[in-house]
Amino acid sequence: MKSKMTLRLLLAGLLAAVLTPSAVAQKAAQAAEEAKDGVRDLVLPSGDGWPIHCTYFESSAGKESACVILLTSTAGDGDASARNRRVWQPTAVELQKAGFAVITVDLRKHGDSIPVGPDGNPLPVKMVNADYPIMASGDLGSVKAFLLSEHQREALNVRKLGIVAMGSSTMVAAAFAVEDWARKPYPDAPTLDQRTPRGQDVRAIMMYSPTTDVRGIRGTTILRTLKTLPVPVYTVVGGNNRVDAREAEKVFQAVELKGDQFEDSRKIVVAPLAAHAEDFLQGRLAAASQKDIKEFLTKYLMGLEFPWMDRTDRRTR
């Protein structure tokens, strides 16, 4: 890597999340009692206390299940194309049937993750620069804490974690992945290979209509770091949308690795369409997108040779 910046410096723009795994686990246990057909709604506390609404689709495959985070675009709830996490419902159900544990997420100020007034109506919110780093570090950090709690009860294997993101949330996902890979293991064994990991769990990312222009996140810098990680990155874009196509090509070039061995793991698909982000999940494109997503995640997550292991610090066991 040409840059001499450390991961710590690369992530300087991200706000540290004050995660509360015990609180996450407690809320998850309460929600589990209300689960129906392996699906339950959750409200997870972000690092600053912002409530993050999610829907969790539990796998029936047990502790070796791969897990997936599904994210909508994050242009702001007032954006004309804004969607909430329910746009992912058909895809999540298909992935659940295929043996994945799936969580769909409304990041802060989107979907149901918007505060309501005394009359029960959503309050007006405005996206600010600080929101996006907090989404990556705090909101997704809280989602990761929930997945770790599911891992510990042997309902999934968090070492097989993938993310599928739309539009501007692609950079949120990339920033979270970089931060996750920067987390050092617990110092609970004499050698590094024996220590219990705290990160390095994001193992595949799929981006639809990605953009590097996300306020508060240095997209180009984050992508340079993502390029160095053993994380397959699959980019899909509607080529008839010239702005999207230009941005997707920029993202692909930032993470591309030369060599035949990387031809599939770092890939861009330019569809002859004007579709943007969540358009790929709807109408006549939905079935093909579900198939592509399932094939990508199956290929790069299901076969990983990371058997389930206790993820708590050995010094506290």
C-alpha atoms as a PDB file:
ATOM      1  CA  MET A   1       0.000   0.000   0.000  1.00  0.00           C
ATOM      2  CA  LYS A   2       1.483   3.357  -1.066  1.00  0.00           C
ATOM      3  CA  SER A   3      -0.075   5.402   1.714  1.00  0.00           C
ATOM      4  CA  LYS A   4       1.849   5.471   4.988  1.00  0.00           C
ATOM      5  CA  MET A   5      -1.251   6.322   6.963  1.00  0.00           C
ATOM      6  CA  THR A   6      -2.231   3.825   9.589  1.00  0.00           C
ATOM      7  CA  LEU A   7      -5.720   2.418   9.928  1.00  0.00           C
ATOM      8  CA  ARG A   8      -6.069   4.546  13.049  1.00  0.00           C
ATOM      9  CA  LEU A   9      -5.470   7.700  11.029  1.00  0.00           C
ATOM     10  CA  LEU A  10      -7.688   6.532   8.212  1.00  0.00           C
ATOM     11  CA  LEU A  11     -10.513   6.174  10.660  1.00  0.00           C
ATOM     12  CA  ALA A  12      -9.891   9.451  12.434  1.00  0.00           C
ATOM     13  CA  GLY A  13     -13.058  10.861  10.900  1.00  0.00           C
ATOM     14  CA  LEU A  14     -15.205   8.126  12.407  1.00  0.00           C
ATOM     15  CA  LEU A  15     -16.664   8.702  15.842  1.00  0.00           C
ATOM     16  CA  ALA A  16     -16.003   5.960  18.363  1.00  0.00           C
ATOM     17  CA  ALA A  17     -19.124   4.093  19.399  1.00  0.00           C
ATOM     18  CA  VAL A  18     -19.830   3.345  23.034  1.00  0.00           C
ATOM     19  CA  LEU A  19     -21.310  -0.085  22.470  1.00  0.00           C
ATOM     20  CA  THR A  20     -23.383  -1.787  25.114  1.00  0.00           C
ATOM     21  CA  PRO A  21     -23.391  -5.490  24.210  1.00  0.00           C
ATOM     22  CA  SER A  22     -25.266  -6.425  27.379  1.00  0.00           C
ATOM     23  CA  ALA A  23     -28.052  -3.975  26.553  1.00  0.00           C
ATOM     24  CA  VAL A  24     -28.163  -5.265  22.989  1.00  0.00           C
ATOM     25  CA  ALA A  25     -28.336  -8.875  24.179  1.00  0.00           C
ATOM     26  CA  GLN A  26     -31.081  -8.040  26.676  1.00  0.00           C
ATOM     27  CA  LYS A  27     -33.235  -6.335  24.048  1.00  0.00           C
ATOM     28  CA  ALA A  28     -32.612  -9.202  21.629  1.00  0.00           C
ATOM     29  CA  ALA A  29     -33.715 -11.744  24.239  1.00  0.00           C
ATOM     30  CA  GLN A  30     -36.920  -9.788  24.856  1.00  0.00           C
ATOM     31  CA  ALA A  31     -37.627  -9.546  21.146  1.00  0.00           C
ATOM     32  CA  ALA A  32     -36.959 -13.265  20.683  1.00  0.00           C
ATOM     33  CA  GLU A  33     -40.055 -14.000  22.725  1.00  0.00           C
ATOM     34  CA  GLU A  34     -42.121 -12.104  20.151  1.00  0.00           C
ATOM     35  CA  ALA A  35     -40.532 -13.738  17.117  1.00  0.00           C
ATOM     36  CA  LYS A  36     -42.766 -15.245  14.475  1.00  0.00           C
ATOM     37  CA  ASP A  37     -41.497 -17.662  11.829  1.00  0.00           C
ATOM     38  CA  GLY A  38     -37.939 -16.790  12.793  1.00  0.00           C
ATOM     39  CA  VAL A  39     -38.492 -13.089  12.047  1.00  0.00           C
ATOM     40  CA  ARG A  40     -38.508 -10.351  14.664  1.00  0.00           C
ATOM     41  CA  ASP A  41     -38.305  -6.582  14.827  1.00  0.00           C
ATOM     42  CA  LEU A  42     -35.630  -5.029  17.028  1.00  0.00           C
ATOM     43  CA  VAL A  43     -34.704  -1.599  18.307  1.00  0.00           C
ATOM     44  CA  LEU A  44     -30.974  -1.493  18.999  1.00  0.00           C
ATOM     45  CA  PRO A  45     -29.260   1.325  20.938  1.00  0.00           C
ATOM     46  CA  SER A  46     -26.541   3.039  18.923  1.00  0.00           C
ATOM     47  CA  GLY A  47     -23.415   4.353  20.605  1.00  0.00           C
ATOM     48  CA  ASP A  48     -25.030   7.727  21.349  1.00  0.00           C
ATOM     49  CA  GLY A  49     -28.392   6.241  22.308  1.00  0.00           C
ATOM     50  CA  TRP A  50     -30.135   6.785  18.953  1.00  0.00           C
ATOM     51  CA  PRO A  51     -32.661   3.935  18.443  1.00  0.00           C
ATOM     52  CA  ILE A  52     -31.863   1.856  15.353  1.00  0.00           C
ATOM     53  CA  HIS A  53     -34.821  -0.146  14.023  1.00  0.00           C
ATOM     54  CA  CYS A  54     -34.017  -3.489  12.431  1.00  0.00           C
ATOM     55  CA  THR A  55     -35.704  -6.707  11.360  1.00  0.00           C
ATOM     56  CA  TYR A  56     -33.879  -9.958  12.043  1.00  0.00           C
ATOM     57  CA  PHE A  57     -34.436 -13.136  10.039  1.00  0.00           C
ATOM     58  CA  GLU A  58     -33.000 -16.011  12.034  1.00  0.00           C
ATOM     59  CA  SER A  59     -31.361 -18.920  10.250  1.00  0.00           C
ATOM     60  CA  SER A  60     -32.462 -22.464  10.964  1.00  0.00           C
ATOM     61  CA  ALA A  61     -28.977 -23.721  10.060  1.00  0.00           C
ATOM     62  CA  GLY A  62     -27.485 -23.057  13.487  1.00  0.00           C
ATOM     63  CA  LYS A  63     -24.090 -21.882  14.568  1.00  0.00           C
ATOM     64  CA  GLU A  64     -22.331 -22.205  11.218  1.00  0.00           C
ATOM     65  CA  SER A  65     -24.838 -19.922   9.455  1.00  0.00           C
ATOM     66  CA  ALA A  66     -23.361 -17.049   7.492  1.00  0.00           C
ATOM     67  CA  CYS A  67     -24.939 -13.671   8.299  1.00  0.00           C
ATOM     68  CA  VAL A  68     -25.814 -10.650   6.179  1.00  0.00           C
ATOM     69  CA  ILE A  69     -26.532  -6.976   6.852  1.00  0.00           C
ATOM     70  CA  LEU A  70     -28.843  -5.321   4.278  1.00  0.00           C
ATOM     71  CA  LEU A  71     -28.760  -1.503   4.012  1.00  0.00           C
ATOM     72  CA  THR A  72     -30.919   0.967   2.099  1.00  0.00           C
ATOM     73  CA  SER A  73     -29.613   4.256   0.701  1.00  0.00           C
ATOM     74  CA  THR A  74     -28.901   7.032   3.191  1.00  0.00           C
ATOM     75  CA  ALA A  75     -29.611  10.216   1.255  1.00  0.00           C
ATOM     76  CA  GLY A  76     -32.047  11.338   3.943  1.00  0.00           C
ATOM     77  CA  ASP A  77     -35.676  10.541   4.603  1.00  0.00           C
ATOM     78  CA  GLY A  78     -36.756  13.612   2.674  1.00  0.00           C
ATOM     79  CA  ASP A  79     -35.134  12.334  -0.523  1.00  0.00           C
ATOM     80  CA  ALA A  80     -37.653  11.500  -3.244  1.00  0.00           C
ATOM     81  CA  SER A  81     -36.280   7.961  -3.597  1.00  0.00           C
ATOM     82  CA  ALA A  82     -36.039   7.235   0.146  1.00  0.00           C
ATOM     83  CA  ARG A  83     -36.864   3.668   1.181  1.00  0.00           C
ATOM     84  CA  ASN A  84     -37.063   1.937   4.549  1.00  0.00           C
ATOM     85  CA  ARG A  85     -35.696  -1.492   5.382  1.00  0.00           C
ATOM     86  CA  ARG A  86     -38.926  -3.216   4.260  1.00  0.00           C
ATOM     87  CA  VAL A  87     -37.815  -2.888   0.648  1.00  0.00           C
ATOM     88  CA  TRP A  88     -35.434  -5.750   1.531  1.00  0.00           C
ATOM     89  CA  GLN A  89     -38.192  -8.096   2.800  1.00  0.00           C
ATOM     90  CA  PRO A  90     -38.412 -10.447  -0.239  1.00  0.00           C
ATOM     91  CA  THR A  91     -34.614 -10.655  -0.531  1.00  0.00           C
ATOM     92  CA  ALA A  92     -34.217 -11.284   3.199  1.00  0.00           C
ATOM     93  CA  VAL A  93     -36.774 -14.099   3.109  1.00  0.00           C
ATOM     94  CA  GLU A  94     -34.999 -15.750   0.168  1.00  0.00           C
ATOM     95  CA  LEU A  95     -31.648 -15.523   1.933  1.00  0.00           C
ATOM     96  CA  GLN A  96     -33.174 -16.906   5.124  1.00  0.00           C
ATOM     97  CA  LYS A  97     -34.530 -19.886   3.163  1.00  0.00           C
ATOM     98  CA  ALA A  98     -31.022 -20.434   1.786  1.00  0.00           C
ATOM     99  CA  GLY A  99     -29.621 -20.735   5.317  1.00  0.00           C
ATOM    100  CA  PHE A 100     -28.408 -17.194   6.016  1.00  0.00           C
ATOM    101  CA  ALA A 101     -29.130 -15.164   9.129  1.00  0.00           C
ATOM    102  CA  VAL A 102     -30.194 -11.741   7.861  1.00  0.00           C
ATOM    103  CA  ILE A 103     -30.693  -8.327   9.443  1.00  0.00           C
ATOM    104  CA  THR A 104     -32.258  -5.397   7.597  1.00  0.00           C
ATOM    105  CA  VAL A 105     -31.459  -1.990   9.070  1.00  0.00           C
ATOM    106  CA  ASP A 106     -32.927   1.508   9.113  1.00  0.00           C
ATOM    107  CA  LEU A 107     -29.887   3.625   9.891  1.00  0.00           C
ATOM    108  CA  ARG A 108     -30.425   6.813  11.894  1.00  0.00           C
ATOM    109  CA  LYS A 109     -32.825   9.378  10.427  1.00  0.00           C
ATOM    110  CA  HIS A 110     -34.178   6.814   7.965  1.00  0.00           C
ATOM    111  CA  GLY A 111     -37.237   4.588   7.883  1.00  0.00           C
ATOM    112  CA  ASP A 112     -38.470   3.812  11.381  1.00  0.00           C
ATOM    113  CA  SER A 113     -35.270   5.171  12.964  1.00  0.00           C
ATOM    114  CA  ILE A 114     -36.752   8.665  13.127  1.00  0.00           C
ATOM    115  CA  PRO A 115     -38.054  10.107  16.410  1.00  0.00           C
ATOM    116  CA  VAL A 116     -41.779  10.747  16.684  1.00  0.00           C
ATOM    117  CA  GLY A 117     -43.602  13.582  18.363  1.00  0.00           C
ATOM    118  CA  PRO A 118     -46.374  13.387  21.007  1.00  0.00           C
ATOM    119  CA  ASP A 119     -48.896  12.929  18.203  1.00  0.00           C
ATOM    120  CA  GLY A 120     -47.089   9.838  16.966  1.00  0.00           C
ATOM    121  CA  ASN A 121     -45.975  11.451  13.712  1.00  0.00           C
ATOM    122  CA  PRO A 122     -42.307  11.461  12.647  1.00  0.00           C
ATOM    123  CA  LEU A 123     -40.417  14.604  13.577  1.00  0.00           C
ATOM    124  CA  PRO A 124     -38.558  16.500  10.839  1.00  0.00           C
ATOM    125  CA  VAL A 125     -34.903  15.518  10.684  1.00  0.00           C
ATOM    126  CA  LYS A 126     -32.008  16.841   8.670  1.00  0.00           C
ATOM    127  CA  MET A 127     -28.923  14.906   7.660  1.00  0.00           C
ATOM    128  CA  VAL A 128     -25.641  16.495   8.792  1.00  0.00           C
ATOM    129  CA  ASN A 129     -22.021  15.598   8.077  1.00  0.00           C
ATOM    130  CA  ALA A 130     -21.563  13.839  11.427  1.00  0.00           C
ATOM    131  CA  ASP A 131     -24.420  11.395  10.773  1.00  0.00           C
ATOM    132  CA  TYR A 132     -22.556   9.244   8.281  1.00  0.00           C
ATOM    133  CA  PRO A 133     -19.474   8.444  10.395  1.00  0.00           C
ATOM    134  CA  ILE A 134     -21.789   7.662  13.322  1.00  0.00           C
ATOM    135  CA  MET A 135     -23.800   5.322  11.072  1.00  0.00           C
ATOM    136  CA  ALA A 136     -20.608   3.421  10.304  1.00  0.00           C
ATOM    137  CA  SER A 137     -19.178   3.335  13.797  1.00  0.00           C
ATOM    138  CA  GLY A 138     -22.200   3.587  16.092  1.00  0.00           C
ATOM    139  CA  ASP A 139     -25.244   2.263  14.228  1.00  0.00           C
ATOM    140  CA  LEU A 140     -23.491  -0.623  12.482  1.00  0.00           C
ATOM    141  CA  GLY A 141     -21.368  -1.177  15.564  1.00  0.00           C
ATOM    142  CA  SER A 142     -24.585  -1.816  17.465  1.00  0.00           C
ATOM    143  CA  VAL A 143     -25.809  -4.175  14.745  1.00  0.00           C
ATOM    144  CA  LYS A 144     -22.500  -6.025  14.995  1.00  0.00           C
ATOM    145  CA  ALA A 145     -22.921  -6.252  18.789  1.00  0.00           C
ATOM    146  CA  PHE A 146     -26.326  -7.846  18.239  1.00  0.00           C
ATOM    147  CA  LEU A 147     -24.874 -10.341  15.758  1.00  0.00           C
ATOM    148  CA  LEU A 148     -22.155 -11.176  18.286  1.00  0.00           C
ATOM    149  CA  SER A 149     -24.849 -11.887  20.875  1.00  0.00           C
ATOM    150  CA  GLU A 150     -26.524 -14.223  18.357  1.00  0.00           C
ATOM    151  CA  HIS A 151     -23.137 -15.795  17.665  1.00  0.00           C
ATOM    152  CA  GLN A 152     -22.618 -16.455  21.360  1.00  0.00           C
ATOM    153  CA  ARG A 153     -25.963 -18.235  21.627  1.00  0.00           C
ATOM    154  CA  GLU A 154     -24.815 -20.351  18.637  1.00  0.00           C
ATOM    155  CA  ALA A 155     -27.443 -19.043  16.213  1.00  0.00           C
ATOM    156  CA  LEU A 156     -24.904 -17.918  13.565  1.00  0.00           C
ATOM    157  CA  ASN A 157     -21.188 -17.570  12.815  1.00  0.00           C
ATOM    158  CA  VAL A 158     -20.206 -13.898  12.837  1.00  0.00           C
ATOM    159  CA  ARG A 159     -16.895 -14.686  11.116  1.00  0.00           C
ATOM    160  CA  LYS A 160     -18.965 -15.188   7.961  1.00  0.00           C
ATOM    161  CA  LEU A 161     -20.435 -11.678   7.736  1.00  0.00           C
ATOM    162  CA  GLY A 162     -21.462  -9.978   4.501  1.00  0.00           C
ATOM    163  CA  ILE A 163     -23.048  -6.608   3.691  1.00  0.00           C
ATOM    164  CA  VAL A 164     -25.244  -5.595   0.759  1.00  0.00           C
ATOM    165  CA  ALA A 165     -25.668  -1.822   0.521  1.00  0.00           C
ATOM    166  CA  MET A 166     -27.389   0.693  -1.721  1.00  0.00           C
ATOM    167  CA  GLY A 167     -26.292   4.141  -2.907  1.00  0.00           C
ATOM    168  CA  SER A 168     -24.608   6.266  -0.250  1.00  0.00           C
ATOM    169  CA  SER A 169     -24.806   3.499   2.355  1.00  0.00           C
ATOM    170  CA  THR A 170     -22.119   1.676   0.358  1.00  0.00           C
ATOM    171  CA  MET A 171     -19.503   4.050   1.809  1.00  0.00           C
ATOM    172  CA  VAL A 172     -21.010   3.607   5.274  1.00  0.00           C
ATOM    173  CA  ALA A 173     -20.604  -0.158   4.805  1.00  0.00           C
ATOM    174  CA  ALA A 174     -17.039   0.231   3.514  1.00  0.00           C
ATOM    175  CA  ALA A 175     -16.083   2.476   6.445  1.00  0.00           C
ATOM    176  CA  PHE A 176     -17.573  -0.022   8.903  1.00  0.00           C
ATOM    177  CA  ALA A 177     -15.675  -2.891   7.262  1.00  0.00           C
ATOM    178  CA  VAL A 178     -12.373  -0.994   7.482  1.00  0.00           C
ATOM    179  CA  GLU A 179     -13.007  -0.194  11.130  1.00  0.00           C
ATOM    180  CA  ASP A 180     -13.975  -3.803  11.846  1.00  0.00           C
ATOM    181  CA  TRP A 181     -10.725  -5.035  10.317  1.00  0.00           C
ATOM    182  CA  ALA A 182      -8.743  -2.532  12.418  1.00  0.00           C
ATOM    183  CA  ARG A 183      -9.998  -4.004  15.697  1.00  0.00           C
ATOM    184  CA  LYS A 184      -7.193  -5.832  17.473  1.00  0.00           C
ATOM    185  CA  PRO A 185      -7.880  -9.205  19.125  1.00  0.00           C
ATOM    186  CA  TYR A 186      -8.123  -9.575  22.870  1.00  0.00           C
ATOM    187  CA  PRO A 187      -4.665  -9.959  24.480  1.00  0.00           C
ATOM    188  CA  ASP A 188      -5.815 -13.262  25.958  1.00  0.00           C
ATOM    189  CA  ALA A 189      -3.171 -15.641  24.600  1.00  0.00           C
ATOM    190  CA  PRO A 190       0.629 -15.621  24.162  1.00  0.00           C
ATOM    191  CA  THR A 191       0.605 -15.458  20.336  1.00  0.00           C
ATOM    192  CA  LEU A 192      -1.504 -13.496  17.864  1.00  0.00           C
ATOM    193  CA  ASP A 193      -2.917 -16.555  16.104  1.00  0.00           C
ATOM    194  CA  GLN A 194      -4.185 -17.931  19.435  1.00  0.00           C
ATOM    195  CA  ARG A 195      -5.956 -14.747  20.549  1.00  0.00           C
ATOM    196  CA  THR A 196      -9.716 -14.275  20.396  1.00  0.00           C
ATOM    197  CA  PRO A 197     -10.650 -11.923  17.539  1.00  0.00           C
ATOM    198  CA  ARG A 198     -12.798  -8.840  18.060  1.00  0.00           C
ATOM    199  CA  GLY A 199     -13.057  -7.983  14.365  1.00  0.00           C
ATOM    200  CA  GLN A 200     -11.983  -9.102  10.884  1.00  0.00           C
ATOM    201  CA  ASP A 201     -15.514 -10.462  10.432  1.00  0.00           C
ATOM    202  CA  VAL A 202     -16.730  -8.612   7.318  1.00  0.00           C
ATOM    203  CA  ARG A 203     -15.861 -11.006   4.505  1.00  0.00           C
ATOM    204  CA  ALA A 204     -17.889  -9.802   1.509  1.00  0.00           C
ATOM    205  CA  ILE A 205     -19.504  -6.548   0.345  1.00  0.00           C
ATOM    206  CA  MET A 206     -21.960  -6.030  -2.501  1.00  0.00           C
ATOM    207  CA  MET A 207     -22.599  -2.464  -3.648  1.00  0.00           C
ATOM    208  CA  TYR A 208     -25.484  -1.247  -5.793  1.00  0.00           C
ATOM    209  CA  SER A 209     -25.108   2.211  -7.386  1.00  0.00           C
ATOM    210  CA  PRO A 210     -22.216   3.157  -5.079  1.00  0.00           C
ATOM    211  CA  THR A 211     -21.055   6.716  -4.593  1.00  0.00           C
ATOM    212  CA  THR A 212     -17.913   8.058  -2.962  1.00  0.00           C
ATOM    213  CA  ASP A 213     -19.484  11.460  -2.288  1.00  0.00           C
ATOM    214  CA  VAL A 214     -20.732  10.860   1.256  1.00  0.00           C
ATOM    215  CA  ARG A 215     -20.495  13.696   3.765  1.00  0.00           C
ATOM    216  CA  GLY A 216     -18.166  13.066   6.679  1.00  0.00           C
ATOM    217  CA  ILE A 217     -16.579   9.939   5.170  1.00  0.00           C
ATOM    218  CA  ARG A 218     -13.467  10.111   3.015  1.00  0.00           C
ATOM    219  CA  GLY A 219     -14.676   7.598   0.494  1.00  0.00           C
ATOM    220  CA  THR A 220     -11.542   7.449  -1.641  1.00  0.00           C
ATOM    221  CA  THR A 221      -9.323   6.944   1.414  1.00  0.00           C
ATOM    222  CA  ILE A 222     -11.618   4.275   2.853  1.00  0.00           C
ATOM    223  CA  LEU A 223     -11.680   2.427  -0.488  1.00  0.00           C
ATOM    224  CA  ARG A 224      -7.878   2.437  -0.694  1.00  0.00           C
ATOM    225  CA  THR A 225      -7.811   0.609   2.623  1.00  0.00           C
ATOM    226  CA  LEU A 226     -10.630  -1.733   1.648  1.00  0.00           C
ATOM    227  CA  LYS A 227      -8.557  -2.671  -1.401  1.00  0.00           C
ATOM    228  CA  THR A 228      -5.863  -4.145   0.860  1.00  0.00           C
ATOM    229  CA  LEU A 229      -8.284  -6.378   2.770  1.00  0.00           C
ATOM    230  CA  PRO A 230      -9.252  -9.955   1.809  1.00  0.00           C
ATOM    231  CA  VAL A 231     -12.854  -8.870   1.222  1.00  0.00           C
ATOM    232  CA  PRO A 232     -14.560  -9.571  -2.137  1.00  0.00           C
ATOM    233  CA  VAL A 233     -16.276  -6.422  -3.464  1.00  0.00           C
ATOM    234  CA  TYR A 234     -18.988  -6.812  -6.113  1.00  0.00           C
ATOM    235  CA  THR A 235     -20.360  -3.632  -7.719  1.00  0.00           C
ATOM    236  CA  VAL A 236     -23.606  -3.383  -9.692  1.00  0.00           C
ATOM    237  CA  VAL A 237     -24.771  -0.276 -11.541  1.00  0.00           C
ATOM    238  CA  GLY A 238     -27.289   0.821 -14.147  1.00  0.00           C
ATOM    239  CA  GLY A 239     -25.071   1.924 -17.016  1.00  0.00           C
ATOM    240  CA  ASN A 240     -27.711   4.154 -18.578  1.00  0.00           C
ATOM    241  CA  ASN A 241     -27.481   6.381 -15.522  1.00  0.00           C
ATOM    242  CA  ARG A 242     -24.313   8.267 -16.424  1.00  0.00           C
ATOM    243  CA  VAL A 243     -23.673   9.718 -12.967  1.00  0.00           C
ATOM    244  CA  ASP A 244     -24.082   6.316 -11.303  1.00  0.00           C
ATOM    245  CA  ALA A 245     -21.921   4.610 -13.940  1.00  0.00           C
ATOM    246  CA  ARG A 246     -19.127   7.131 -13.453  1.00  0.00           C
ATOM    247  CA  GLU A 247     -19.214   6.747  -9.671  1.00  0.00           C
ATOM    248  CA  ALA A 248     -19.341   2.940  -9.840  1.00  0.00           C
ATOM    249  CA  GLU A 249     -16.321   2.875 -12.138  1.00  0.00           C
ATOM    250  CA  LYS A 250     -14.481   5.133  -9.696  1.00  0.00           C
ATOM    251  CA  VAL A 251     -15.291   2.750  -6.835  1.00  0.00           C
ATOM    252  CA  PHE A 252     -14.255  -0.294  -8.848  1.00  0.00           C
ATOM    253  CA  GLN A 253     -10.943   1.243  -9.877  1.00  0.00           C
ATOM    254  CA  ALA A 254     -10.227   2.118  -6.247  1.00  0.00           C
ATOM    255  CA  VAL A 255     -10.626  -1.495  -5.061  1.00  0.00           C
ATOM    256  CA  GLU A 256      -9.599  -3.404  -8.200  1.00  0.00           C
ATOM    257  CA  LEU A 257      -6.828  -5.978  -7.854  1.00  0.00           C
ATOM    258  CA  LYS A 258      -4.873  -7.054 -10.904  1.00  0.00           C
ATOM    259  CA  GLY A 259      -4.595 -10.738 -11.714  1.00  0.00           C
ATOM    260  CA  ASP A 260      -6.866 -13.536 -12.892  1.00  0.00           C
ATOM    261  CA  GLN A 261      -7.301 -14.783  -9.320  1.00  0.00           C
ATOM    262  CA  PHE A 262      -9.182 -11.569  -8.449  1.00  0.00           C
ATOM    263  CA  GLU A 263     -11.369 -11.454 -11.544  1.00  0.00           C
ATOM    264  CA  ASP A 264     -14.500 -12.609  -9.703  1.00  0.00           C
ATOM    265  CA  SER A 265     -13.831 -11.280  -6.210  1.00  0.00           C
ATOM    266  CA  ARG A 266     -13.366  -7.675  -7.375  1.00  0.00           C
ATOM    267  CA  LYS A 267     -15.972  -7.234 -10.077  1.00  0.00           C
ATOM    268  CA  ILE A 268     -18.191  -4.572 -11.635  1.00  0.00           C
ATOM    269  CA  VAL A 269     -21.401  -5.362 -13.518  1.00  0.00           C
ATOM    270  CA  VAL A 270     -22.775  -2.568 -15.688  1.00  0.00           C
ATOM    271  CA  ALA A 271     -26.376  -3.359 -16.619  1.00  0.00           C
ATOM    272  CA  PRO A 272     -27.878  -1.609 -19.687  1.00  0.00           C
ATOM    273  CA  LEU A 273     -30.489   0.084 -17.511  1.00  0.00           C
ATOM    274  CA  ALA A 274     -31.203   3.432 -15.884  1.00  0.00           C
ATOM    275  CA  ALA A 275     -31.959   1.678 -12.570  1.00  0.00           C
ATOM    276  CA  HIS A 276     -30.623   3.283  -9.412  1.00  0.00           C
ATOM    277  CA  ALA A 277     -30.020   1.601  -6.031  1.00  0.00           C
ATOM    278  CA  GLU A 278     -33.307   0.165  -4.679  1.00  0.00           C
ATOM    279  CA  ASP A 279     -34.748   0.035  -8.218  1.00  0.00           C
ATOM    280  CA  PHE A 280     -32.822  -3.230  -8.528  1.00  0.00           C
ATOM    281  CA  LEU A 281     -34.989  -4.739  -5.768  1.00  0.00           C
ATOM    282  CA  GLN A 282     -38.320  -3.929  -7.353  1.00  0.00           C
ATOM    283  CA  GLY A 283     -40.415  -4.838 -10.365  1.00  0.00           C
ATOM    284  CA  ARG A 284     -38.907  -6.935 -13.112  1.00  0.00           C
ATOM    285  CA  LEU A 285     -35.386  -6.563 -11.721  1.00  0.00           C
ATOM    286  CA  ALA A 286     -36.168  -8.047  -8.308  1.00  0.00           C
ATOM    287  CA  ALA A 287     -35.852 -11.757  -9.126  1.00  0.00           C
ATOM    288  CA  ALA A 288     -32.539 -11.345 -10.966  1.00  0.00           C
ATOM    289  CA  SER A 289     -31.104  -9.200  -8.170  1.00  0.00           C
ATOM    290  CA  GLN A 290     -32.147 -11.714  -5.504  1.00  0.00           C
ATOM    291  CA  LYS A 291     -30.424 -14.438  -7.517  1.00  0.00           C
ATOM    292  CA  ASP A 292     -27.223 -12.386  -7.920  1.00  0.00           C
ATOM    293  CA  ILE A 293     -27.120 -11.471  -4.229  1.00  0.00           C
ATOM    294  CA  LYS A 294     -27.690 -15.046  -3.097  1.00  0.00           C
ATOM    295  CA  GLU A 295     -25.051 -16.437  -5.466  1.00  0.00           C
ATOM    296  CA  PHE A 296     -22.447 -13.860  -4.405  1.00  0.00           C
ATOM    297  CA  LEU A 297     -23.023 -14.398  -0.685  1.00  0.00           C
ATOM    298  CA  THR A 298     -23.135 -18.174  -1.041  1.00  0.00           C
ATOM    299  CA  LYS A 299     -19.866 -18.202  -2.965  1.00  0.00           C
ATOM    300  CA  TYR A 300     -17.923 -15.943  -0.637  1.00  0.00           C
ATOM    301  CA  LEU A 301     -19.431 -16.664   2.782  1.00  0.00           C
ATOM    302  CA  MET A 302     -20.892 -20.165   2.985  1.00  0.00           C
ATOM    303  CA  GLY A 303     -17.659 -21.963   2.209  1.00  0.00           C
ATOM    304  CA  LEU A 304     -15.376 -20.024   4.555  1.00  0.00           C
ATOM    305  CA  GLU A 305     -13.323 -22.287   6.786  1.00  0.00           C
ATOM    306  CA  PHE A 306     -13.898 -20.418  10.010  1.00  0.00           C
ATOM    307  CA  PRO A 307     -15.584 -22.827  12.418  1.00  0.00           C
ATOM    308  CA  TRP A 308     -17.649 -21.334  15.215  1.00  0.00           C
ATOM    309  CA  MET A 309     -15.612 -20.285  18.248  1.00  0.00           C
ATOM    310  CA  ASP A 310     -16.357 -18.592  21.549  1.00  0.00           C
ATOM    311  CA  ARG A 311     -15.809 -14.862  21.007  1.00  0.00           C
ATOM    312  CA  THR A 312     -15.523 -13.762  24.618  1.00  0.00           C
ATOM    313  CA  ASP A 313     -12.213 -12.736  26.159  1.00  0.00           C
ATOM    314  CA  ARG A 314     -10.589 -15.885  27.569  1.00  0.00           C
ATOM    315  CA  ARG A 315      -9.613 -13.925  30.683  1.00  0.00           C
ATOM    316  CA  THR A 316     -13.272 -13.516  31.612  1.00  0.00           C
ATOM    317  CA  ARG A 317     -14.493 -17.044  30.877  1.00  0.00           C
END
